[in-house]
C-alpha cells in the first residue's frame, strides 16, 4: 500500500528565538488527517512557548 506524504511545518517566536515543529505523515489517510495534524502542531507550539524560561 503506497501512502501520500504530507509535510506540515509551523513556527512560533519566543522573544528572539523561534520554535519550529515539522510533522510528516506517510499514511494513505494523510490528506484527510490535515485538520488533526494542524491541531497537534498548534498544541505543541502553544505548550512549548508557554513554558517558563
C-alpha atoms as a PDB file:
ATOM      1  CA  UNK A   1       0.000   0.000   0.000  1.00  0.00           C
ATOM      2  CA  UNK A   2       1.515   3.294  -1.079  1.00  0.00           C
ATOM      3  CA  UNK A   3       0.972   6.367   1.047  1.00  0.00           C
ATOM      4  CA  UNK A   4       0.858  10.049   0.301  1.00  0.00           C
ATOM      5  CA  UNK A   5       3.491  12.091   2.070  1.00  0.00           C
ATOM      6  CA  UNK A   6       2.144  15.177   3.805  1.00  0.00           C
ATOM      7  CA  UNK A   7       4.533  17.663   5.413  1.00  0.00           C
ATOM      8  CA  UNK A   8       3.335  20.327   7.802  1.00  0.00           C
ATOM      9  CA  UNK A   9       5.700  22.892   9.293  1.00  0.00           C
ATOM     10  CA  UNK A  10       4.960  25.792  11.579  1.00  0.00           C
ATOM     11  CA  UNK A  11       6.859  28.135  13.849  1.00  0.00           C
ATOM     12  CA  UNK A  12       6.248  30.474  16.741  1.00  0.00           C
ATOM     13  CA  UNK A  13       8.510  33.162  18.175  1.00  0.00           C
ATOM     14  CA  UNK A  14       9.742  33.191  21.754  1.00  0.00           C
ATOM     15  CA  UNK A  15      11.469  36.539  22.167  1.00  0.00           C
ATOM     16  CA  UNK A  16      14.435  36.425  19.789  1.00  0.00           C
ATOM     17  CA  UNK A  17      14.195  32.647  19.378  1.00  0.00           C
ATOM     18  CA  UNK A  18      11.789  30.536  17.373  1.00  0.00           C
ATOM     19  CA  UNK A  19      10.297  27.101  17.939  1.00  0.00           C
ATOM     20  CA  UNK A  20       9.731  25.057  14.790  1.00  0.00           C
ATOM     21  CA  UNK A  21       7.542  21.955  14.525  1.00  0.00           C
ATOM     22  CA  UNK A  22       7.662  19.708  11.471  1.00  0.00           C
ATOM     23  CA  UNK A  23       5.262  16.785  11.081  1.00  0.00           C
ATOM     24  CA  UNK A  24       5.433  14.223   8.276  1.00  0.00           C
ATOM     25  CA  UNK A  25       2.651  11.753   7.654  1.00  0.00           C
ATOM     26  CA  UNK A  26       3.031   8.988   5.071  1.00  0.00           C
ATOM     27  CA  UNK A  27      -0.246   7.138   5.511  1.00  0.00           C
ATOM     28  CA  UNK A  28      -2.851   6.919   2.754  1.00  0.00           C
ATOM     29  CA  UNK A  29      -5.161   8.957   5.003  1.00  0.00           C
ATOM     30  CA  UNK A  30      -2.705  11.903   5.173  1.00  0.00           C
ATOM     31  CA  UNK A  31      -4.835  14.471   3.305  1.00  0.00           C
ATOM     32  CA  UNK A  32      -7.897  13.763   5.445  1.00  0.00           C
ATOM     33  CA  UNK A  33      -5.749  13.993   8.592  1.00  0.00           C
ATOM     34  CA  UNK A  34      -4.652  17.579   7.896  1.00  0.00           C
ATOM     35  CA  UNK A  35      -7.052  19.217  10.406  1.00  0.00           C
ATOM     36  CA  UNK A  36      -5.861  16.867  13.180  1.00  0.00           C
ATOM     37  CA  UNK A  37      -2.198  17.448  12.282  1.00  0.00           C
ATOM     38  CA  UNK A  38      -2.730  21.216  12.365  1.00  0.00           C
ATOM     39  CA  UNK A  39      -4.346  20.909  15.804  1.00  0.00           C
ATOM     40  CA  UNK A  40      -1.411  18.848  17.100  1.00  0.00           C
ATOM     41  CA  UNK A  41       1.091  21.343  15.678  1.00  0.00           C
ATOM     42  CA  UNK A  42      -0.685  24.293  17.317  1.00  0.00           C
ATOM     43  CA  UNK A  43      -0.908  22.461  20.655  1.00  0.00           C
ATOM     44  CA  UNK A  44       2.810  21.603  20.623  1.00  0.00           C
ATOM     45  CA  UNK A  45       3.797  25.177  19.774  1.00  0.00           C
ATOM     46  CA  UNK A  46       1.483  26.634  22.414  1.00  0.00           C
ATOM     47  CA  UNK A  47       2.737  24.219  25.083  1.00  0.00           C
ATOM     48  CA  UNK A  48       6.414  24.838  24.317  1.00  0.00           C
ATOM     49  CA  UNK A  49       6.104  28.608  24.096  1.00  0.00           C
ATOM     50  CA  UNK A  50       4.044  28.665  27.284  1.00  0.00           C
ATOM     51  CA  UNK A  51       6.816  27.056  29.366  1.00  0.00           C
ATOM     52  CA  UNK A  52       8.684  29.280  31.823  1.00  0.00           C
ATOM     53  CA  UNK A  53      12.068  30.459  30.521  1.00  0.00           C
END
